[in-house]
Amino acid sequence: MSRECVKEYYAQFGAREWERLTQPTDGAVEYAVNRRLLATHFPPAGRVLDLGGGPGRYTIWLAQRGYTVTLADLSPNLLAIAQEQITQAGVADHVEAIVEADACDLSRWDDGTFAAVLCLGPFYHLPEPADRIRAASELARVLQPGGIAAIALMPRLSFVRRTLALADERPHLLNSEFITRLLDKGVFENDVPDRLTSGYGVDPSEVAPFFAQFGLQSLMLASSQGISVGLAQALADIEATAPDLYERALDLIVQTASDPSILGMASHLLYITRKSL
């Protein structure tokens, strides 16, 4: 997916991207699970790069926890939303920069600039192997030795599931080359207008070996939805009627989020890693 296509895609959905992570039947569970995992693994303080952070939902959360955050994204539309939301949240003093940047080129930052990097979007927009190598290399370079990175990925089967879910994309499943390219190489290509035009899905078993090439040691690979895939409405109902039960359900979802048996069916994966000393 070209950089301009990514910008155009997200330009359509600015408000939705800001709201998605708070919607009970969309991203609310993902947001809750990710925050719990980040709170467990991130350092207690320091400079954090929110790379691909879009409209700034995680930047605000990190700033509220006392981190010094830099927000970087490819989309100027999303960054404009982030600027407004960060100001309204009253955390601008903890946000040192909001910049347009490509995950494959972090040259504006020196080696070892950040204690942690949050990268919750770029990698599943990089179907070209050379781009993924460059992005991983750059992420590792700007991370301090011993620093923590949390990286969002999409498994290959998530692209199969989205194709099944969308009526005007289902005909792609009749194309054997589409299926082979997706299942064997993780490359998703889509010619339906105003949709995600391409993407990259991982084989969960290959995640740790790939990032290890860049001195990034595996701490956890988890499903950001855990066992709740397909249960969004049920969890929304529980949250509305029994908040204590909802919190217990979240505990269970987080507790089992790294179970290997569920990783391939996740909508998003969260890979948490530490840079070698």
Protein backbone atom coordinates (compact mmCIF):
# COMPACT_ATOMS: atom_id res chain seq x y z
CA MET A 1 0.00 0.00 0.00
CA SER A 2 1.63 3.23 -1.12
CA ARG A 3 2.12 5.98 1.45
CA GLU A 4 -0.33 8.21 -0.42
CA CYS A 5 -2.95 5.44 -0.44
CA VAL A 6 -2.55 5.10 3.33
CA LYS A 7 -3.04 8.85 3.77
CA GLU A 8 -6.12 8.83 1.53
CA TYR A 9 -7.59 5.82 3.32
CA TYR A 10 -7.30 7.37 6.78
CA ALA A 11 -8.41 10.80 5.55
CA GLN A 12 -11.85 9.25 5.06
CA PHE A 13 -12.12 7.97 8.61
CA GLY A 14 -10.61 10.59 10.91
CA ALA A 15 -13.50 10.85 13.37
CA ARG A 16 -14.08 7.12 13.27
CA GLU A 17 -10.42 6.44 14.09
CA TRP A 18 -10.67 8.68 17.15
CA GLU A 19 -13.92 7.09 18.34
CA ARG A 20 -13.25 3.45 17.42
CA LEU A 21 -11.35 2.46 20.55
CA THR A 22 -14.20 3.56 22.81
CA GLN A 23 -17.00 1.81 20.90
CA PRO A 24 -18.25 -1.24 22.87
CA THR A 25 -18.89 -3.27 19.70
CA ASP A 26 -15.73 -2.18 17.91
CA GLY A 27 -12.40 -1.39 19.58
CA ALA A 28 -13.18 -1.01 23.28
CA VAL A 29 -11.96 -4.48 24.29
CA GLU A 30 -8.83 -4.10 22.17
CA TYR A 31 -8.09 -0.78 23.86
CA ALA A 32 -8.67 -2.21 27.34
CA VAL A 33 -6.50 -5.28 26.71
CA ASN A 34 -3.68 -3.27 25.14
CA ARG A 35 -3.61 -0.76 27.99
CA ARG A 36 -3.38 -3.51 30.58
CA LEU A 37 -0.52 -5.20 28.73
CA LEU A 38 1.32 -1.92 28.17
CA ALA A 39 0.93 -0.95 31.83
CA THR A 40 2.53 -4.27 32.78
CA HIS A 41 5.49 -4.13 30.39
CA PHE A 42 6.36 -0.48 29.74
CA PRO A 43 9.04 1.21 31.86
CA PRO A 44 7.71 3.34 34.73
CA ALA A 45 8.82 6.60 33.09
CA GLY A 46 10.69 8.05 30.13
CA ARG A 47 10.30 9.22 26.56
CA VAL A 48 7.87 7.23 24.40
CA LEU A 49 7.41 7.32 20.64
CA ASP A 50 3.79 6.67 19.64
CA LEU A 51 4.53 5.66 16.05
CA GLY A 52 1.47 5.44 13.84
CA GLY A 53 -0.55 6.83 16.73
CA GLY A 54 -3.07 8.55 14.48
CA PRO A 55 -5.61 10.70 16.33
CA GLY A 56 -3.73 10.37 19.62
CA ARG A 57 -5.87 8.15 21.84
CA TYR A 58 -2.84 6.25 23.18
CA THR A 59 -0.69 9.39 23.28
CA ILE A 60 -3.18 10.96 25.68
CA TRP A 61 -3.29 7.83 27.84
CA LEU A 62 0.51 7.66 27.99
CA ALA A 63 0.77 11.38 28.78
CA GLN A 64 -1.77 10.98 31.57
CA ARG A 65 0.49 8.29 33.03
CA GLY A 66 3.39 10.75 33.12
CA TYR A 67 5.41 9.73 30.07
CA THR A 68 6.95 12.28 27.74
CA VAL A 69 5.39 11.37 24.41
CA THR A 70 6.17 12.06 20.78
CA LEU A 71 3.29 11.30 18.41
CA ALA A 72 4.23 10.44 14.83
CA ASP A 73 1.92 9.40 12.02
CA LEU A 74 1.78 9.37 8.23
CA SER A 75 -1.66 11.04 8.12
CA PRO A 76 -1.85 14.83 8.52
CA ASN A 77 -5.62 14.52 8.92
CA LEU A 78 -5.30 12.26 11.95
CA LEU A 79 -2.54 14.40 13.44
CA ALA A 80 -4.80 17.46 13.23
CA ILE A 81 -7.41 15.57 15.27
CA ALA A 82 -4.69 14.53 17.72
CA GLN A 83 -3.55 18.11 18.24
CA GLU A 84 -7.09 19.16 19.16
CA GLN A 85 -7.75 16.18 21.41
CA ILE A 86 -4.42 16.49 23.23
CA THR A 87 -5.16 20.15 23.97
CA GLN A 88 -8.68 19.35 25.18
CA ALA A 89 -7.32 16.58 27.42
CA GLY A 90 -4.93 19.02 29.07
CA VAL A 91 -1.84 16.88 28.52
CA ALA A 92 0.05 19.04 26.00
CA ASP A 93 2.85 19.60 28.54
CA HIS A 94 3.66 15.88 28.31
CA VAL A 95 3.60 15.74 24.50
CA GLU A 96 6.91 17.02 23.20
CA ALA A 97 6.13 16.73 19.48
CA ILE A 98 3.38 15.87 17.00
CA VAL A 99 5.00 15.12 13.66
CA GLU A 100 4.25 13.62 10.27
CA ALA A 101 6.63 10.69 9.80
CA ASP A 102 7.03 7.43 7.90
CA ALA A 103 7.80 4.33 10.00
CA CYS A 104 10.45 3.39 7.44
CA ASP A 105 12.37 6.62 8.00
CA LEU A 106 12.88 7.79 11.58
CA SER A 107 16.04 9.72 10.72
CA ARG A 108 14.86 12.82 12.58
CA TRP A 109 15.61 10.93 15.82
CA ASP A 110 19.01 9.81 17.06
CA ASP A 111 19.89 6.27 18.08
CA GLY A 112 18.48 5.30 21.47
CA THR A 113 16.19 8.31 21.81
CA PHE A 114 13.21 6.52 23.40
CA ALA A 115 12.71 4.32 26.44
CA ALA A 116 9.70 2.74 24.71
CA VAL A 117 8.08 2.67 21.29
CA LEU A 118 4.40 2.05 20.70
CA CYS A 119 3.79 1.04 17.09
CA LEU A 120 0.12 0.15 16.64
CA GLY A 121 -0.45 0.55 12.92
CA PRO A 122 2.43 0.72 10.49
CA PHE A 123 3.42 -2.94 10.11
CA TYR A 124 0.17 -4.22 8.66
CA HIS A 125 0.36 -1.48 6.02
CA LEU A 126 3.72 -2.75 4.73
CA PRO A 127 3.24 -5.63 2.26
CA GLU A 128 6.76 -5.19 0.82
CA PRO A 129 9.41 -7.18 2.74
CA ALA A 130 12.02 -4.45 2.30
CA ASP A 131 9.70 -1.92 3.96
CA ARG A 132 9.08 -4.19 6.94
CA ILE A 133 12.82 -4.74 7.35
CA ARG A 134 13.46 -1.01 7.20
CA ALA A 135 10.67 -0.22 9.68
CA ALA A 136 11.87 -2.85 12.16
CA SER A 137 15.45 -1.65 11.82
CA GLU A 138 14.46 1.97 12.41
CA LEU A 139 12.26 1.10 15.39
CA ALA A 140 15.11 -0.84 17.00
CA ARG A 141 17.59 1.95 16.26
CA VAL A 142 15.65 4.71 18.05
CA LEU A 143 14.92 2.46 21.04
CA GLN A 144 17.28 2.56 23.99
CA PRO A 145 19.12 -0.64 24.94
CA GLY A 146 16.78 -2.48 27.27
CA GLY A 147 13.86 -0.41 25.99
CA ILE A 148 10.42 -1.86 25.33
CA ALA A 149 8.50 -1.88 22.05
CA ALA A 150 4.87 -2.86 21.56
CA ILE A 151 3.96 -3.57 17.95
CA ALA A 152 0.51 -4.22 16.47
CA LEU A 153 0.25 -6.88 13.77
CA MET A 154 -2.56 -8.59 11.92
CA PRO A 155 -2.56 -12.36 11.36
CA ARG A 156 -3.21 -13.62 7.86
CA LEU A 157 -6.52 -15.19 8.77
CA SER A 158 -7.85 -11.79 9.86
CA PHE A 159 -7.70 -10.69 6.22
CA VAL A 160 -9.57 -13.85 5.20
CA ARG A 161 -12.20 -13.13 7.83
CA ARG A 162 -12.67 -9.50 6.71
CA THR A 163 -13.03 -10.68 3.10
CA LEU A 164 -15.76 -13.09 4.17
CA ALA A 165 -17.47 -10.37 6.20
CA LEU A 166 -17.72 -7.77 3.41
CA ALA A 167 -20.15 -8.68 0.64
CA ASP A 168 -18.44 -6.69 -2.10
CA GLU A 169 -15.03 -8.17 -1.25
CA ARG A 170 -16.14 -11.82 -1.08
CA PRO A 171 -15.64 -12.45 -4.84
CA HIS A 172 -11.88 -12.25 -4.17
CA LEU A 173 -12.18 -15.69 -2.58
CA LEU A 174 -12.90 -17.13 -6.02
CA ASN A 175 -9.46 -15.99 -7.14
CA SER A 176 -6.93 -18.73 -6.35
CA GLU A 177 -4.03 -16.29 -6.74
CA PHE A 178 -5.58 -14.00 -4.11
CA ILE A 179 -5.85 -16.90 -1.65
CA THR A 180 -2.36 -18.22 -2.36
CA ARG A 181 -0.76 -14.78 -2.06
CA LEU A 182 -2.54 -14.14 1.22
CA LEU A 183 -2.04 -17.51 2.90
CA ASP A 184 1.50 -18.16 1.69
CA LYS A 185 2.99 -14.66 1.77
CA GLY A 186 0.59 -12.66 3.91
CA VAL A 187 -0.03 -10.14 1.13
CA PHE A 188 -3.56 -8.74 0.92
CA GLU A 189 -4.59 -6.83 -2.21
CA ASN A 190 -8.00 -5.26 -2.74
CA ASP A 191 -9.47 -3.44 -5.73
CA VAL A 192 -12.75 -2.37 -4.09
CA PRO A 193 -12.84 1.46 -4.07
CA ASP A 194 -12.49 3.41 -0.82
CA ARG A 195 -11.31 0.37 1.11
CA LEU A 196 -8.01 -0.88 2.46
CA THR A 197 -6.20 -1.46 -0.84
CA SER A 198 -3.42 -3.66 0.51
CA GLY A 199 -1.99 -5.00 3.73
CA TYR A 200 0.27 -7.55 5.34
CA GLY A 201 -0.73 -10.40 7.62
CA VAL A 202 1.75 -12.36 9.72
CA ASP A 203 2.10 -16.01 10.48
CA PRO A 204 2.20 -15.84 14.32
CA SER A 205 5.00 -18.41 14.47
CA GLU A 206 7.26 -16.14 12.39
CA VAL A 207 6.87 -12.95 14.46
CA ALA A 208 9.57 -13.53 17.09
CA PRO A 209 12.22 -14.78 14.62
CA PHE A 210 11.63 -11.77 12.36
CA PHE A 211 12.11 -9.15 15.07
CA ALA A 212 15.00 -11.05 16.65
CA GLN A 213 17.09 -10.10 13.59
CA PHE A 214 17.05 -6.53 14.91
CA GLY A 215 18.04 -7.30 18.48
CA LEU A 216 14.46 -7.35 19.75
CA GLN A 217 13.83 -10.11 22.28
CA SER A 218 10.34 -11.56 22.59
CA LEU A 219 8.37 -10.92 25.78
CA MET A 220 4.83 -11.66 24.63
CA LEU A 221 2.66 -12.19 21.56
CA ALA A 222 -0.98 -11.65 22.48
CA SER A 223 -4.36 -11.29 20.84
CA SER A 224 -5.68 -7.79 21.49
CA GLN A 225 -9.19 -9.25 21.60
CA GLY A 226 -8.22 -12.46 23.33
CA ILE A 227 -11.03 -14.99 23.51
CA SER A 228 -13.61 -12.26 22.87
CA VAL A 229 -13.42 -12.42 19.05
CA GLY A 230 -17.05 -12.55 17.89
CA LEU A 231 -18.36 -11.64 21.34
CA ALA A 232 -18.31 -7.84 21.11
CA GLN A 233 -22.06 -7.42 21.53
CA ALA A 234 -22.21 -9.87 24.43
CA LEU A 235 -19.43 -7.98 26.22
CA ALA A 236 -21.14 -4.65 25.51
CA ASP A 237 -24.30 -6.04 27.12
CA ILE A 238 -22.33 -7.25 30.14
CA GLU A 239 -20.60 -3.88 30.55
CA ALA A 240 -23.96 -2.08 30.45
CA THR A 241 -25.68 -4.35 32.95
CA ALA A 242 -22.98 -5.84 35.20
CA PRO A 243 -19.80 -3.70 35.40
CA ASP A 244 -18.14 -5.98 37.99
CA LEU A 245 -18.67 -9.00 35.74
CA TYR A 246 -17.28 -7.03 32.79
CA GLU A 247 -14.07 -6.29 34.71
CA ARG A 248 -13.75 -9.97 35.60
CA ALA A 249 -14.28 -10.89 31.95
CA LEU A 250 -11.51 -8.48 30.96
CA ASP A 251 -9.24 -10.08 33.55
CA LEU A 252 -9.87 -13.47 31.94
CA ILE A 253 -9.37 -12.10 28.41
CA VAL A 254 -6.00 -10.61 29.38
CA GLN A 255 -4.97 -13.70 31.32
CA THR A 256 -5.48 -15.91 28.25
CA ALA A 257 -4.51 -13.38 25.55
CA SER A 258 -1.23 -15.10 24.69
CA ASP A 259 -2.68 -18.61 24.38
CA PRO A 260 -1.18 -19.92 21.10
CA SER A 261 -4.46 -21.56 20.14
CA ILE A 262 -6.20 -18.20 19.58
CA LEU A 263 -3.49 -16.06 17.97
CA GLY A 264 -4.30 -16.84 14.35
CA MET A 265 -7.95 -15.85 14.80
CA ALA A 266 -7.20 -12.45 16.33
CA SER A 267 -8.17 -9.26 14.55
CA HIS A 268 -5.00 -7.65 15.91
CA LEU A 269 -1.96 -9.01 17.67
CA LEU A 270 0.22 -7.14 20.14
CA TYR A 271 3.88 -8.13 20.13
CA ILE A 272 5.86 -6.89 23.13
CA THR A 273 9.62 -7.00 22.91
CA ARG A 274 12.75 -5.72 24.63
CA LYS A 275 15.84 -4.39 22.87
CA SER A 276 19.01 -6.24 23.76
CA LEU A 277 21.44 -4.46 26.09
